[in-house]
Amino acid sequence: MRILGIGYEGLCKFCGLMDMPAFLDKATHTILLKHILDCGKTVAEALMKKAVNEKKKEIVKMKIRMI
């Protein structure tokens, strides 16, 4: 639901349309979103660090070839 940009209210509407009980309250929904954000940040930082290190190695190899 969050990916679609409709957030908690959209989740409640979806559950209502599907005749399902709303199984999350707003506080739980917010906690889950914060956990997802933290995980996304961790993965993004790790991937960016890896990319930087790969680029540094590439540059060092290029400098060695130029000498």
Protein backbone atom coordinates (compact mmCIF):
# COMPACT_ATOMS: atom_id res chain seq x y z
CA MET A 1 0.00 0.00 0.00
CA ARG A 2 2.79 2.44 0.85
CA ILE A 3 4.41 1.94 -2.54
CA LEU A 4 1.20 3.17 -4.14
CA GLY A 5 1.43 6.31 -2.03
CA ILE A 6 -1.84 5.89 -0.20
CA GLY A 7 -0.45 5.07 3.25
CA TYR A 8 -2.44 3.98 6.27
CA GLU A 9 -5.75 5.44 5.14
CA GLY A 10 -5.49 3.56 1.86
CA LEU A 11 -4.77 0.36 3.76
CA CYS A 12 -7.92 0.85 5.82
CA LYS A 13 -9.99 1.52 2.67
CA PHE A 14 -8.53 -1.56 0.98
CA CYS A 15 -9.34 -3.75 3.99
CA GLY A 16 -12.88 -2.35 4.01
CA LEU A 17 -13.36 -3.03 0.29
CA MET A 18 -12.03 -6.57 0.66
CA ASP A 19 -14.31 -7.12 3.70
CA MET A 20 -11.29 -7.76 5.91
CA PRO A 21 -10.78 -6.40 9.41
CA ALA A 22 -8.18 -3.64 9.73
CA PHE A 23 -5.39 -5.70 11.28
CA LEU A 24 -2.97 -2.81 11.92
CA ASP A 25 -3.47 0.30 13.95
CA LYS A 26 -1.77 3.52 12.90
CA ALA A 27 1.05 3.24 15.47
CA THR A 28 1.97 -0.27 14.30
CA HIS A 29 1.84 0.86 10.68
CA THR A 30 4.21 3.75 11.48
CA ILE A 31 6.64 1.43 13.30
CA LEU A 32 6.68 -0.96 10.34
CA LEU A 33 7.34 1.89 7.91
CA LYS A 34 10.25 3.09 10.05
CA HIS A 35 11.74 -0.42 10.02
CA ILE A 36 11.38 -0.61 6.25
CA LEU A 37 13.03 2.81 5.91
CA ASP A 38 15.94 1.74 8.14
CA CYS A 39 16.44 -1.43 6.11
CA GLY A 40 16.33 0.50 2.85
CA LYS A 41 18.90 3.00 4.14
CA THR A 42 21.21 0.21 5.29
CA VAL A 43 21.07 -1.56 1.94
CA ALA A 44 21.50 1.68 -0.02
CA GLU A 45 24.53 2.71 2.05
CA ALA A 46 26.14 -0.71 1.67
CA LEU A 47 25.62 -0.70 -2.10
CA MET A 48 26.96 2.84 -2.45
CA LYS A 49 30.05 2.01 -0.38
CA LYS A 50 30.65 -1.03 -2.57
CA ALA A 51 30.29 1.07 -5.72
CA VAL A 52 32.74 3.67 -4.39
CA ASN A 53 35.30 1.01 -3.53
CA GLU A 54 34.97 -0.57 -6.98
CA LYS A 55 35.44 2.83 -8.63
CA LYS A 56 38.51 3.55 -6.48
CA LYS A 57 40.06 0.25 -7.58
CA GLU A 58 39.27 1.10 -11.20
CA ILE A 59 40.97 4.49 -10.87
CA VAL A 60 44.06 2.95 -9.27
CA LYS A 61 44.33 0.46 -12.14
CA MET A 62 44.01 3.28 -14.68
CA LYS A 63 46.76 5.29 -12.95
CA ILE A 64 49.07 2.28 -12.92
CA ARG A 65 48.54 1.79 -16.68
CA MET A 66 49.35 5.46 -17.34
CA ILE A 67 52.70 5.26 -15.54
